[in-house]
Amino acid sequence: MRRLSLMILSLCMLLLSGCATIDSDVKIDNDGSGTWNATIQSQAEPLEKEVITELIKEYPMPTYTIKAINNDGKTITVEDNDTTPYKSWLIASEFKNIDEFTLIRNAMVLKSKNENLAPALEKTTTGDYIVDLGTSLGNTTISVSGTIDKASVQSGTLKNDNTILFTLGEHIRFVFKPSHGWLFYIGIGVAIVAVIGGGYIFYLRRKYYGDAA
């Protein structure tokens, strides 16, 4: 157990020093749900699965999967009792709301759960979202269901209106306007049909009563 604790501490130090990285791919939907796919890569010693698993336990988060990347670059499933070390590990998780996203944020940037932290995603009075994930521990790509406010981007590189890339050491913070969900467009469609239908009925009534007169 002491050996495992030392290995986890060493990994954290490597991540914070840049000798290991967490490359993240985050997708945020307009309702605050989304996905996180990450690659932990060690430039030092290879890591056993137990080290990755125990590290994640330090940062409780929604259901996730862990896989390794072997020397051939292939993604493989590793059993819990397998102690084979690998240089790269993949983590995949989904979040259903802002609270779950905040838990994932804490894991992806090693935020201490004892810190007084702002939520990873905060909705403003205007309906926009503020994304604040802390310091990137690798290359972090974030895609949103909406449009990123260019004026809010202080670091990172916009790839297009809804995708932004942050490199190692950059602070992940920006604002985006969420797109309307499909219910919104269904509502508009129903309203249009109702207006057209009402107008047509009015036309028929005028025509009928006009002819009768």
N, C-alpha and C. Protein backbone atom coordinates (compact mmCIF):
# COMPACT_ATOMS: atom_id res chain seq x y z
N MET A 1 0.83 -1.20 0.00
CA MET A 1 0.00 0.00 0.00
C MET A 1 0.87 1.26 0.00
N ARG A 2 1.95 1.23 0.77
CA ARG A 2 2.86 2.37 0.82
C ARG A 2 3.49 2.58 -0.54
N ARG A 3 3.85 1.48 -1.20
CA ARG A 3 4.45 1.58 -2.53
C ARG A 3 3.46 2.22 -3.50
N LEU A 4 2.19 1.82 -3.43
CA LEU A 4 1.17 2.37 -4.32
C LEU A 4 0.98 3.86 -4.06
N SER A 5 0.95 4.24 -2.79
CA SER A 5 0.78 5.66 -2.45
C SER A 5 1.93 6.50 -3.00
N LEU A 6 3.14 5.96 -2.92
CA LEU A 6 4.30 6.67 -3.44
C LEU A 6 4.23 6.80 -4.96
N MET A 7 3.72 5.76 -5.62
CA MET A 7 3.60 5.80 -7.08
C MET A 7 2.56 6.83 -7.50
N ILE A 8 1.44 6.93 -6.76
CA ILE A 8 0.41 7.92 -7.07
C ILE A 8 0.96 9.32 -6.85
N LEU A 9 1.68 9.51 -5.75
CA LEU A 9 2.28 10.82 -5.46
C LEU A 9 3.28 11.19 -6.55
N SER A 10 4.05 10.21 -6.99
CA SER A 10 5.04 10.47 -8.05
C SER A 10 4.34 10.88 -9.35
N LEU A 11 3.22 10.20 -9.67
CA LEU A 11 2.48 10.54 -10.88
C LEU A 11 1.94 11.96 -10.80
N CYS A 12 1.38 12.32 -9.65
CA CYS A 12 0.86 13.69 -9.47
C CYS A 12 1.98 14.72 -9.66
N MET A 13 3.14 14.43 -9.11
CA MET A 13 4.26 15.35 -9.24
C MET A 13 4.71 15.45 -10.70
N LEU A 14 4.70 14.31 -11.39
CA LEU A 14 5.06 14.31 -12.81
C LEU A 14 4.08 15.14 -13.63
N LEU A 15 2.78 14.99 -13.32
CA LEU A 15 1.77 15.75 -14.04
C LEU A 15 1.90 17.24 -13.78
N LEU A 16 2.13 17.60 -12.54
CA LEU A 16 2.23 19.01 -12.19
C LEU A 16 3.52 19.64 -12.72
N SER A 17 4.53 18.82 -12.91
CA SER A 17 5.81 19.35 -13.41
C SER A 17 5.90 19.30 -14.93
N GLY A 18 4.94 18.62 -15.57
CA GLY A 18 4.95 18.52 -17.02
C GLY A 18 5.70 17.32 -17.55
N CYS A 19 6.22 16.46 -16.66
CA CYS A 19 6.92 15.25 -17.10
C CYS A 19 5.93 14.13 -17.45
N ALA A 20 4.68 14.33 -17.11
CA ALA A 20 3.58 13.49 -17.57
C ALA A 20 2.46 14.45 -17.95
N THR A 21 1.60 14.04 -18.84
CA THR A 21 0.56 14.94 -19.31
C THR A 21 -0.81 14.26 -19.32
N ILE A 22 -1.84 15.09 -19.23
CA ILE A 22 -3.22 14.63 -19.44
C ILE A 22 -3.76 15.41 -20.63
N ASP A 23 -3.84 14.75 -21.77
CA ASP A 23 -4.45 15.37 -22.96
C ASP A 23 -5.94 15.06 -22.93
N SER A 24 -6.75 16.11 -22.96
CA SER A 24 -8.20 15.94 -22.80
C SER A 24 -8.97 16.40 -24.03
N ASP A 25 -10.04 15.68 -24.30
CA ASP A 25 -11.00 16.06 -25.34
C ASP A 25 -12.36 16.14 -24.65
N VAL A 26 -12.88 17.37 -24.52
CA VAL A 26 -14.12 17.59 -23.79
C VAL A 26 -15.19 18.09 -24.75
N LYS A 27 -16.39 17.52 -24.65
CA LYS A 27 -17.53 17.99 -25.42
C LYS A 27 -18.63 18.41 -24.44
N ILE A 28 -19.14 19.64 -24.60
CA ILE A 28 -20.16 20.18 -23.69
C ILE A 28 -21.42 20.47 -24.49
N ASP A 29 -22.53 19.84 -24.08
CA ASP A 29 -23.81 20.08 -24.73
C ASP A 29 -24.48 21.31 -24.13
N ASN A 30 -25.57 21.75 -24.77
CA ASN A 30 -26.21 22.99 -24.33
C ASN A 30 -26.96 22.86 -23.02
N ASP A 31 -27.12 21.62 -22.50
CA ASP A 31 -27.79 21.43 -21.22
C ASP A 31 -26.80 21.17 -20.08
N GLY A 32 -25.50 21.31 -20.35
CA GLY A 32 -24.50 21.11 -19.31
C GLY A 32 -24.00 19.69 -19.20
N SER A 33 -24.48 18.79 -20.04
CA SER A 33 -23.98 17.42 -20.06
C SER A 33 -22.85 17.32 -21.08
N GLY A 34 -22.21 16.15 -21.18
CA GLY A 34 -21.15 16.00 -22.16
C GLY A 34 -20.26 14.80 -21.90
N THR A 35 -19.07 14.82 -22.50
CA THR A 35 -18.13 13.70 -22.38
C THR A 35 -16.72 14.22 -22.15
N TRP A 36 -15.92 13.38 -21.52
CA TRP A 36 -14.49 13.66 -21.32
C TRP A 36 -13.70 12.43 -21.73
N ASN A 37 -12.82 12.59 -22.69
CA ASN A 37 -11.89 11.54 -23.10
C ASN A 37 -10.47 12.05 -22.91
N ALA A 38 -9.67 11.29 -22.17
CA ALA A 38 -8.34 11.77 -21.82
C ALA A 38 -7.28 10.70 -22.04
N THR A 39 -6.06 11.17 -22.31
CA THR A 39 -4.91 10.29 -22.42
C THR A 39 -3.86 10.74 -21.41
N ILE A 40 -3.53 9.86 -20.47
CA ILE A 40 -2.45 10.13 -19.52
C ILE A 40 -1.18 9.51 -20.10
N GLN A 41 -0.17 10.35 -20.32
CA GLN A 41 1.08 9.87 -20.89
C GLN A 41 2.24 10.20 -19.95
N SER A 42 3.04 9.20 -19.66
CA SER A 42 4.20 9.38 -18.79
C SER A 42 5.47 9.40 -19.62
N GLN A 43 6.26 10.46 -19.43
CA GLN A 43 7.56 10.52 -20.10
C GLN A 43 8.64 9.86 -19.24
N ALA A 44 8.24 9.41 -18.05
CA ALA A 44 9.17 8.73 -17.14
C ALA A 44 8.87 7.23 -17.17
N GLU A 45 8.64 6.66 -16.00
CA GLU A 45 8.40 5.22 -15.92
C GLU A 45 6.98 4.87 -16.38
N PRO A 46 6.81 3.68 -17.02
CA PRO A 46 5.46 3.21 -17.34
C PRO A 46 4.62 3.04 -16.06
N LEU A 47 3.31 3.06 -16.22
CA LEU A 47 2.41 3.03 -15.07
C LEU A 47 1.52 1.80 -15.10
N GLU A 48 1.26 1.25 -13.93
CA GLU A 48 0.32 0.14 -13.82
C GLU A 48 -1.11 0.68 -13.75
N LYS A 49 -2.08 -0.16 -14.11
CA LYS A 49 -3.47 0.26 -14.10
C LYS A 49 -3.91 0.68 -12.70
N GLU A 50 -3.44 -0.01 -11.69
CA GLU A 50 -3.84 0.29 -10.32
C GLU A 50 -3.49 1.72 -9.93
N VAL A 51 -2.39 2.22 -10.46
CA VAL A 51 -1.99 3.60 -10.15
C VAL A 51 -3.01 4.58 -10.72
N ILE A 52 -3.44 4.34 -11.97
CA ILE A 52 -4.44 5.21 -12.60
C ILE A 52 -5.76 5.11 -11.86
N THR A 53 -6.16 3.90 -11.52
CA THR A 53 -7.43 3.68 -10.83
C THR A 53 -7.45 4.37 -9.47
N GLU A 54 -6.38 4.21 -8.72
CA GLU A 54 -6.33 4.81 -7.39
C GLU A 54 -6.25 6.33 -7.46
N LEU A 55 -5.58 6.84 -8.49
CA LEU A 55 -5.53 8.29 -8.66
C LEU A 55 -6.93 8.85 -8.89
N ILE A 56 -7.71 8.19 -9.74
CA ILE A 56 -9.07 8.65 -10.02
C ILE A 56 -9.94 8.57 -8.78
N LYS A 57 -9.69 7.57 -7.93
CA LYS A 57 -10.46 7.46 -6.69
C LYS A 57 -10.26 8.68 -5.78
N GLU A 58 -9.12 9.34 -5.95
CA GLU A 58 -8.86 10.55 -5.18
C GLU A 58 -9.75 11.69 -5.65
N TYR A 59 -10.28 11.55 -6.85
CA TYR A 59 -11.14 12.57 -7.45
C TYR A 59 -12.43 11.90 -7.93
N PRO A 60 -13.36 11.61 -6.99
CA PRO A 60 -14.57 10.87 -7.36
C PRO A 60 -15.28 11.53 -8.56
N MET A 61 -15.70 10.70 -9.50
CA MET A 61 -16.32 11.21 -10.72
C MET A 61 -17.32 10.19 -11.23
N PRO A 62 -18.12 10.56 -12.25
CA PRO A 62 -19.10 9.62 -12.80
C PRO A 62 -18.43 8.36 -13.36
N THR A 63 -19.26 7.44 -13.81
CA THR A 63 -18.78 6.18 -14.37
C THR A 63 -17.74 6.43 -15.46
N TYR A 64 -16.69 5.63 -15.44
CA TYR A 64 -15.60 5.82 -16.40
C TYR A 64 -15.03 4.47 -16.82
N THR A 65 -14.28 4.49 -17.91
CA THR A 65 -13.56 3.30 -18.36
C THR A 65 -12.08 3.66 -18.49
N ILE A 66 -11.22 2.66 -18.27
CA ILE A 66 -9.78 2.84 -18.40
C ILE A 66 -9.23 1.78 -19.36
N LYS A 67 -8.46 2.21 -20.34
CA LYS A 67 -7.79 1.30 -21.25
C LYS A 67 -6.35 1.74 -21.44
N ALA A 68 -5.52 0.82 -21.88
CA ALA A 68 -4.11 1.13 -22.10
C ALA A 68 -3.82 1.22 -23.59
N ILE A 69 -2.72 1.89 -23.92
CA ILE A 69 -2.21 1.92 -25.29
C ILE A 69 -0.88 1.16 -25.28
N ASN A 70 -0.81 0.08 -26.05
CA ASN A 70 0.41 -0.74 -26.03
C ASN A 70 1.48 -0.16 -26.95
N ASN A 71 2.59 -0.87 -27.07
CA ASN A 71 3.72 -0.37 -27.85
C ASN A 71 3.42 -0.26 -29.34
N ASP A 72 2.37 -0.97 -29.79
CA ASP A 72 1.98 -0.90 -31.19
C ASP A 72 0.97 0.22 -31.45
N GLY A 73 0.65 0.97 -30.39
CA GLY A 73 -0.31 2.06 -30.53
C GLY A 73 -1.76 1.62 -30.51
N LYS A 74 -2.00 0.36 -30.12
CA LYS A 74 -3.36 -0.17 -30.08
C LYS A 74 -3.97 0.00 -28.69
N THR A 75 -5.26 0.30 -28.66
CA THR A 75 -5.97 0.43 -27.39
C THR A 75 -6.40 -0.96 -26.92
N ILE A 76 -6.05 -1.30 -25.68
CA ILE A 76 -6.35 -2.64 -25.16
C ILE A 76 -7.01 -2.53 -23.79
N THR A 77 -7.83 -3.52 -23.48
CA THR A 77 -8.45 -3.62 -22.15
C THR A 77 -7.50 -4.36 -21.22
N VAL A 78 -7.30 -3.82 -20.02
CA VAL A 78 -6.39 -4.40 -19.04
C VAL A 78 -7.20 -4.81 -17.81
N GLU A 79 -7.06 -6.04 -17.39
CA GLU A 79 -7.78 -6.52 -16.21
C GLU A 79 -7.25 -5.83 -14.95
N ASP A 80 -8.10 -5.76 -13.94
CA ASP A 80 -7.72 -5.05 -12.71
C ASP A 80 -6.50 -5.66 -12.02
N ASN A 81 -6.34 -6.97 -12.14
CA ASN A 81 -5.21 -7.63 -11.46
C ASN A 81 -3.96 -7.72 -12.34
N ASP A 82 -4.02 -7.12 -13.51
CA ASP A 82 -2.87 -7.13 -14.43
C ASP A 82 -1.92 -6.00 -14.02
N THR A 83 -0.69 -6.34 -13.72
CA THR A 83 0.28 -5.33 -13.25
C THR A 83 1.23 -4.87 -14.37
N THR A 84 0.91 -5.20 -15.63
CA THR A 84 1.75 -4.77 -16.74
C THR A 84 1.73 -3.24 -16.84
N PRO A 85 2.89 -2.60 -16.84
CA PRO A 85 2.91 -1.13 -16.94
C PRO A 85 2.87 -0.66 -18.40
N TYR A 86 2.23 0.49 -18.60
CA TYR A 86 2.16 1.10 -19.93
C TYR A 86 2.47 2.58 -19.81
N LYS A 87 3.00 3.13 -20.89
CA LYS A 87 3.33 4.56 -20.90
C LYS A 87 2.08 5.44 -21.03
N SER A 88 1.05 4.91 -21.72
CA SER A 88 -0.14 5.71 -22.00
C SER A 88 -1.41 4.98 -21.58
N TRP A 89 -2.32 5.75 -20.99
CA TRP A 89 -3.61 5.21 -20.56
C TRP A 89 -4.74 6.12 -21.02
N LEU A 90 -5.86 5.50 -21.40
CA LEU A 90 -7.03 6.26 -21.85
C LEU A 90 -8.12 6.21 -20.79
N ILE A 91 -8.74 7.35 -20.54
CA ILE A 91 -9.86 7.44 -19.61
C ILE A 91 -11.04 8.05 -20.37
N ALA A 92 -12.22 7.44 -20.24
CA ALA A 92 -13.42 7.97 -20.89
C ALA A 92 -14.54 8.06 -19.86
N SER A 93 -15.23 9.18 -19.85
CA SER A 93 -16.32 9.37 -18.90
C SER A 93 -17.38 10.29 -19.50
N GLU A 94 -18.60 10.17 -18.98
CA GLU A 94 -19.69 11.04 -19.39
C GLU A 94 -20.21 11.79 -18.16
N PHE A 95 -20.67 13.01 -18.37
CA PHE A 95 -21.29 13.75 -17.27
C PHE A 95 -22.68 14.20 -17.71
N LYS A 96 -23.62 14.14 -16.77
CA LYS A 96 -25.02 14.43 -17.08
C LYS A 96 -25.43 15.85 -16.73
N ASN A 97 -24.63 16.51 -15.91
CA ASN A 97 -25.00 17.85 -15.47
C ASN A 97 -23.74 18.60 -15.02
N ILE A 98 -23.94 19.84 -14.56
CA ILE A 98 -22.81 20.69 -14.17
C ILE A 98 -22.07 20.12 -12.97
N ASP A 99 -22.79 19.55 -12.00
CA ASP A 99 -22.13 19.00 -10.82
C ASP A 99 -21.19 17.86 -11.20
N GLU A 100 -21.62 16.99 -12.09
CA GLU A 100 -20.76 15.88 -12.52
C GLU A 100 -19.59 16.40 -13.35
N PHE A 101 -19.83 17.43 -14.14
CA PHE A 101 -18.74 18.02 -14.92
C PHE A 101 -17.69 18.61 -14.00
N THR A 102 -18.12 19.21 -12.90
CA THR A 102 -17.17 19.79 -11.94
C THR A 102 -16.30 18.70 -11.32
N LEU A 103 -16.88 17.53 -11.05
CA LEU A 103 -16.09 16.41 -10.52
C LEU A 103 -15.03 15.98 -11.54
N ILE A 104 -15.43 15.92 -12.80
CA ILE A 104 -14.47 15.56 -13.85
C ILE A 104 -13.38 16.61 -13.97
N ARG A 105 -13.77 17.89 -13.89
CA ARG A 105 -12.79 18.96 -13.96
C ARG A 105 -11.72 18.80 -12.88
N ASN A 106 -12.15 18.44 -11.68
CA ASN A 106 -11.19 18.27 -10.58
C ASN A 106 -10.18 17.18 -10.89
N ALA A 107 -10.64 16.12 -11.58
CA ALA A 107 -9.74 15.02 -11.93
C ALA A 107 -8.81 15.41 -13.07
N MET A 108 -9.33 16.11 -14.07
CA MET A 108 -8.52 16.38 -15.27
C MET A 108 -7.43 17.41 -15.03
N VAL A 109 -7.57 18.25 -13.97
CA VAL A 109 -6.52 19.22 -13.67
C VAL A 109 -5.99 19.08 -12.25
N LEU A 110 -6.35 17.95 -11.58
CA LEU A 110 -5.87 17.64 -10.24
C LEU A 110 -6.20 18.73 -9.23
N LYS A 111 -7.44 19.22 -9.29
CA LYS A 111 -7.90 20.20 -8.31
C LYS A 111 -8.19 19.48 -6.99
N SER A 112 -7.71 20.02 -5.89
CA SER A 112 -7.95 19.42 -4.59
C SER A 112 -9.42 19.58 -4.21
N LYS A 113 -10.03 18.49 -3.73
CA LYS A 113 -11.44 18.55 -3.33
C LYS A 113 -11.62 19.40 -2.07
N ASN A 114 -10.52 19.73 -1.40
CA ASN A 114 -10.60 20.57 -0.20
C ASN A 114 -10.58 22.05 -0.53
N GLU A 115 -10.28 22.38 -1.81
CA GLU A 115 -10.27 23.78 -2.21
C GLU A 115 -11.70 24.29 -2.36
N ASN A 116 -11.88 25.59 -2.16
CA ASN A 116 -13.17 26.22 -2.40
C ASN A 116 -13.26 26.56 -3.88
N LEU A 117 -13.85 25.65 -4.67
CA LEU A 117 -13.78 25.75 -6.12
C LEU A 117 -15.08 26.26 -6.72
N ALA A 118 -14.94 27.07 -7.75
CA ALA A 118 -16.10 27.47 -8.54
C ALA A 118 -16.52 26.30 -9.40
N PRO A 119 -17.78 26.25 -9.83
CA PRO A 119 -18.21 25.16 -10.72
C PRO A 119 -17.45 25.21 -12.04
N ALA A 120 -17.32 24.06 -12.68
CA ALA A 120 -16.64 24.01 -13.97
C ALA A 120 -17.43 24.75 -15.03
N LEU A 121 -18.74 24.79 -14.87
CA LEU A 121 -19.63 25.42 -15.83
C LEU A 121 -20.66 26.23 -15.05
N GLU A 122 -20.76 27.50 -15.38
CA GLU A 122 -21.69 28.37 -14.65
C GLU A 122 -22.56 29.14 -15.65
N LYS A 123 -23.87 29.06 -15.44
CA LYS A 123 -24.81 29.74 -16.34
C LYS A 123 -25.06 31.16 -15.85
N THR A 124 -24.94 32.13 -16.74
CA THR A 124 -25.12 33.53 -16.38
C THR A 124 -26.59 33.92 -16.53
N THR A 125 -26.91 35.13 -16.10
CA THR A 125 -28.28 35.62 -16.20
C THR A 125 -28.72 35.82 -17.64
N THR A 126 -27.75 35.95 -18.54
CA THR A 126 -28.07 36.12 -19.97
C THR A 126 -28.22 34.78 -20.69
N GLY A 127 -27.99 33.67 -19.97
CA GLY A 127 -28.11 32.36 -20.58
C GLY A 127 -26.82 31.81 -21.14
N ASP A 128 -25.73 32.61 -21.09
CA ASP A 128 -24.43 32.12 -21.54
C ASP A 128 -23.81 31.21 -20.48
N TYR A 129 -22.80 30.44 -20.88
CA TYR A 129 -22.07 29.57 -19.96
C TYR A 129 -20.64 30.08 -19.79
N ILE A 130 -20.18 30.12 -18.54
CA ILE A 130 -18.76 30.38 -18.25
C ILE A 130 -18.08 29.04 -17.99
N VAL A 131 -17.07 28.72 -18.77
CA VAL A 131 -16.29 27.50 -18.58
C VAL A 131 -15.00 27.87 -17.85
N ASP A 132 -14.75 27.23 -16.70
CA ASP A 132 -13.53 27.52 -15.94
C ASP A 132 -12.98 26.20 -15.40
N LEU A 133 -11.91 25.71 -16.04
CA LEU A 133 -11.39 24.38 -15.70
C LEU A 133 -10.01 24.41 -15.06
N GLY A 134 -9.43 25.59 -14.86
CA GLY A 134 -8.10 25.65 -14.26
C GLY A 134 -7.00 25.50 -15.29
N THR A 135 -5.83 25.08 -14.84
CA THR A 135 -4.65 24.99 -15.70
C THR A 135 -4.58 23.67 -16.44
N SER A 136 -4.41 23.73 -17.74
CA SER A 136 -4.34 22.53 -18.55
C SER A 136 -3.07 21.74 -18.25
N LEU A 137 -3.22 20.43 -18.05
CA LEU A 137 -2.07 19.56 -17.78
C LEU A 137 -1.60 18.83 -19.04
N GLY A 138 -1.99 19.36 -20.17
CA GLY A 138 -1.59 18.79 -21.46
C GLY A 138 -2.28 19.58 -22.55
N ASN A 139 -2.58 18.95 -23.66
CA ASN A 139 -3.38 19.59 -24.71
C ASN A 139 -4.85 19.30 -24.42
N THR A 140 -5.63 20.35 -24.26
CA THR A 140 -7.04 20.20 -23.94
C THR A 140 -7.88 20.83 -25.05
N THR A 141 -8.67 20.00 -25.72
CA THR A 141 -9.57 20.48 -26.76
C THR A 141 -11.00 20.44 -26.24
N ILE A 142 -11.70 21.57 -26.35
CA ILE A 142 -13.07 21.65 -25.86
C ILE A 142 -13.98 22.07 -27.01
N SER A 143 -15.01 21.26 -27.25
CA SER A 143 -16.02 21.58 -28.25
C SER A 143 -17.35 21.81 -27.53
N VAL A 144 -18.06 22.86 -27.91
CA VAL A 144 -19.31 23.20 -27.24
C VAL A 144 -20.46 23.17 -28.23
N SER A 145 -21.66 22.94 -27.70
CA SER A 145 -22.87 23.02 -28.51
C SER A 145 -23.35 24.46 -28.45
N GLY A 146 -22.75 25.29 -29.27
CA GLY A 146 -23.05 26.71 -29.24
C GLY A 146 -21.94 27.50 -29.90
N THR A 147 -21.81 28.76 -29.53
CA THR A 147 -20.81 29.65 -30.14
C THR A 147 -19.94 30.27 -29.05
N ILE A 148 -18.63 30.14 -29.19
CA ILE A 148 -17.69 30.69 -28.21
C ILE A 148 -17.57 32.19 -28.40
N ASP A 149 -17.62 32.93 -27.29
CA ASP A 149 -17.45 34.38 -27.31
C ASP A 149 -15.96 34.68 -27.48
N LYS A 150 -15.58 35.19 -28.65
CA LYS A 150 -14.17 35.43 -28.95
C LYS A 150 -13.55 36.41 -27.97
N ALA A 151 -14.31 37.40 -27.52
CA ALA A 151 -13.77 38.41 -26.61
C ALA A 151 -13.43 37.82 -25.24
N SER A 152 -14.01 36.65 -24.90
CA SER A 152 -13.77 36.04 -23.59
C SER A 152 -12.52 35.17 -23.58
N VAL A 153 -11.93 34.93 -24.73
CA VAL A 153 -10.78 34.02 -24.85
C VAL A 153 -9.49 34.78 -24.52
N GLN A 154 -8.92 34.52 -23.35
CA GLN A 154 -7.68 35.17 -22.93
C GLN A 154 -6.46 34.31 -23.24
N SER A 155 -6.65 33.00 -23.26
CA SER A 155 -5.59 32.06 -23.65
C SER A 155 -6.25 30.95 -24.45
N GLY A 156 -5.44 30.12 -25.08
CA GLY A 156 -6.00 29.10 -25.94
C GLY A 156 -6.14 29.61 -27.37
N THR A 157 -6.43 28.68 -28.27
CA THR A 157 -6.54 29.00 -29.70
C THR A 157 -7.87 28.51 -30.23
N LEU A 158 -8.65 29.43 -30.79
CA LEU A 158 -9.93 29.05 -31.39
C LEU A 158 -9.68 28.29 -32.69
N LYS A 159 -10.26 27.10 -32.81
CA LYS A 159 -10.17 26.34 -34.06
C LYS A 159 -11.33 26.71 -34.98
N ASN A 160 -12.49 26.98 -34.39
CA ASN A 160 -13.65 27.49 -35.11
C ASN A 160 -14.60 28.09 -34.08
N ASP A 161 -15.82 28.38 -34.46
CA ASP A 161 -16.75 29.07 -33.55
C ASP A 161 -17.12 28.25 -32.32
N ASN A 162 -16.96 26.93 -32.40
CA ASN A 162 -17.39 26.10 -31.26
C ASN A 162 -16.30 25.19 -30.68
N THR A 163 -15.06 25.39 -31.10
CA THR A 163 -13.97 24.54 -30.62
C THR A 163 -12.75 25.37 -30.28
N ILE A 164 -12.14 25.07 -29.13
CA ILE A 164 -10.96 25.82 -28.68
C ILE A 164 -9.92 24.84 -28.13
N LEU A 165 -8.65 25.14 -28.36
CA LEU A 165 -7.54 24.28 -27.93
C LEU A 165 -6.67 25.03 -26.93
N PHE A 166 -6.39 24.37 -25.80
CA PHE A 166 -5.46 24.91 -24.80
C PHE A 166 -4.26 23.96 -24.70
N THR A 167 -3.07 24.54 -24.61
CA THR A 167 -1.87 23.73 -24.48
C THR A 167 -1.43 23.66 -23.02
N LEU A 168 -0.40 22.88 -22.76
CA LEU A 168 0.10 22.67 -21.41
C LEU A 168 0.39 24.00 -20.71
N GLY A 169 -0.18 24.17 -19.52
CA GLY A 169 0.09 25.35 -18.71
C GLY A 169 -0.85 26.51 -18.94
N GLU A 170 -1.70 26.44 -19.97
CA GLU A 170 -2.64 27.53 -20.23
C GLU A 170 -3.88 27.41 -19.34
N HIS A 171 -4.43 28.56 -18.96
CA HIS A 171 -5.62 28.57 -18.11
C HIS A 171 -6.87 28.41 -18.98
N ILE A 172 -7.69 27.44 -18.63
CA ILE A 172 -8.87 27.11 -19.42
C ILE A 172 -10.07 27.91 -18.90
N ARG A 173 -10.38 28.99 -19.61
CA ARG A 173 -11.54 29.80 -19.22
C ARG A 173 -12.05 30.55 -20.45
N PHE A 174 -13.37 30.48 -20.67
CA PHE A 174 -14.00 31.21 -21.77
C PHE A 174 -15.51 31.18 -21.56
N VAL A 175 -16.21 31.91 -22.41
CA VAL A 175 -17.68 31.98 -22.34
C VAL A 175 -18.25 31.52 -23.68
N PHE A 176 -19.36 30.79 -23.64
CA PHE A 176 -20.03 30.45 -24.89
C PHE A 176 -21.54 30.58 -24.75
N LYS A 177 -22.16 30.88 -25.88
CA LYS A 177 -23.62 30.98 -25.95
C LYS A 177 -24.15 29.64 -26.45
N PRO A 178 -24.94 28.94 -25.63
CA PRO A 178 -25.43 27.62 -26.06
C PRO A 178 -26.42 27.72 -27.20
N SER A 179 -26.40 26.72 -28.07
CA SER A 179 -27.37 26.67 -29.15
C SER A 179 -28.70 26.20 -28.60
N HIS A 180 -29.76 26.46 -29.34
CA HIS A 180 -31.08 26.01 -28.91
C HIS A 180 -31.22 24.51 -29.14
N GLY A 181 -31.89 23.84 -28.21
CA GLY A 181 -32.13 22.41 -28.33
C GLY A 181 -33.22 22.11 -29.35
N TRP A 182 -33.41 20.83 -29.65
CA TRP A 182 -34.38 20.44 -30.68
C TRP A 182 -35.81 20.77 -30.26
N LEU A 183 -36.10 20.82 -28.97
CA LEU A 183 -37.44 21.18 -28.53
C LEU A 183 -37.78 22.62 -28.92
N PHE A 184 -36.75 23.48 -28.90
CA PHE A 184 -36.96 24.87 -29.29
C PHE A 184 -37.41 24.95 -30.75
N TYR A 185 -36.73 24.21 -31.60
CA TYR A 185 -37.07 24.26 -33.02
C TYR A 185 -38.40 23.57 -33.30
N ILE A 186 -38.73 22.52 -32.54
CA ILE A 186 -40.04 21.90 -32.68
C ILE A 186 -41.13 22.90 -32.31
N GLY A 187 -40.86 23.65 -31.22
CA GLY A 187 -41.82 24.66 -30.79
C GLY A 187 -42.05 25.71 -31.86
N ILE A 188 -40.95 26.15 -32.50
CA ILE A 188 -41.08 27.13 -33.58
C ILE A 188 -41.88 26.54 -34.74
N GLY A 189 -41.58 25.27 -35.07
CA GLY A 189 -42.30 24.61 -36.16
C GLY A 189 -43.79 24.51 -35.87
N VAL A 190 -44.13 24.14 -34.63
CA VAL A 190 -45.54 24.03 -34.25
C VAL A 190 -46.23 25.39 -34.34
N ALA A 191 -45.50 26.44 -33.87
CA ALA A 191 -46.07 27.79 -33.92
C ALA A 191 -46.33 28.22 -35.37
N ILE A 192 -45.38 27.92 -36.27
CA ILE A 192 -45.54 28.29 -37.68
C ILE A 192 -46.73 27.56 -38.29
N VAL A 193 -46.83 26.25 -38.00
CA VAL A 193 -47.96 25.47 -38.52
C VAL A 193 -49.28 26.03 -37.99
N ALA A 194 -49.29 26.40 -36.70
CA ALA A 194 -50.52 26.94 -36.10
C ALA A 194 -50.92 28.24 -36.77
N VAL A 195 -49.93 29.12 -37.03
CA VAL A 195 -50.23 30.40 -37.68
C VAL A 195 -50.74 30.19 -39.10
N ILE A 196 -50.06 29.31 -39.84
CA ILE A 196 -50.49 29.03 -41.22
C ILE A 196 -51.88 28.39 -41.23
N GLY A 197 -52.06 27.42 -40.31
CA GLY A 197 -53.35 26.74 -40.24
C GLY A 197 -54.47 27.70 -39.87
N GLY A 198 -54.19 28.57 -38.89
CA GLY A 198 -55.19 29.56 -38.48
C GLY A 198 -55.52 30.51 -39.61
N GLY A 199 -54.49 30.93 -40.34
CA GLY A 199 -54.71 31.84 -41.47
C GLY A 199 -55.53 31.18 -42.56
N TYR A 200 -55.27 29.88 -42.79
CA TYR A 200 -56.01 29.17 -43.82
C TYR A 200 -57.48 29.00 -43.43
N ILE A 201 -57.70 28.66 -42.18
CA ILE A 201 -59.08 28.53 -41.70
C ILE A 201 -59.82 29.87 -41.81
N PHE A 202 -59.12 30.95 -41.46
CA PHE A 202 -59.72 32.29 -41.56
C PHE A 202 -60.07 32.60 -43.01
N TYR A 203 -59.16 32.20 -43.92
CA TYR A 203 -59.40 32.42 -45.34
C TYR A 203 -60.63 31.65 -45.81
N LEU A 204 -60.76 30.37 -45.40
CA LEU A 204 -61.91 29.57 -45.80
C LEU A 204 -63.20 30.14 -45.25
N ARG A 205 -63.17 30.60 -43.99
CA ARG A 205 -64.37 31.18 -43.40
C ARG A 205 -64.78 32.45 -44.15
N ARG A 206 -63.81 33.28 -44.47
CA ARG A 206 -64.12 34.51 -45.21
C ARG A 206 -64.68 34.18 -46.59
N LYS A 207 -64.06 33.15 -47.20
CA LYS A 207 -64.50 32.78 -48.54
C LYS A 207 -65.91 32.21 -48.50
N TYR A 208 -66.16 31.36 -47.49
CA TYR A 208 -67.48 30.73 -47.39
C TYR A 208 -68.55 31.77 -47.10
N TYR A 209 -68.30 32.56 -46.06
CA TYR A 209 -69.32 33.56 -45.70
C TYR A 209 -69.42 34.67 -46.74
N GLY A 210 -68.30 34.94 -47.41
CA GLY A 210 -68.34 35.92 -48.47
C GLY A 210 -69.21 35.44 -49.64
N ASP A 211 -69.03 34.16 -50.03
CA ASP A 211 -69.81 33.58 -51.11
C ASP A 211 -71.30 33.48 -50.74
N ALA A 212 -71.52 33.14 -49.42
CA ALA A 212 -72.92 33.00 -48.96
C ALA A 212 -73.64 34.33 -48.98
N ALA A 213 -72.86 35.42 -48.74
CA ALA A 213 -73.48 36.75 -48.76
C ALA A 213 -73.87 37.10 -50.18
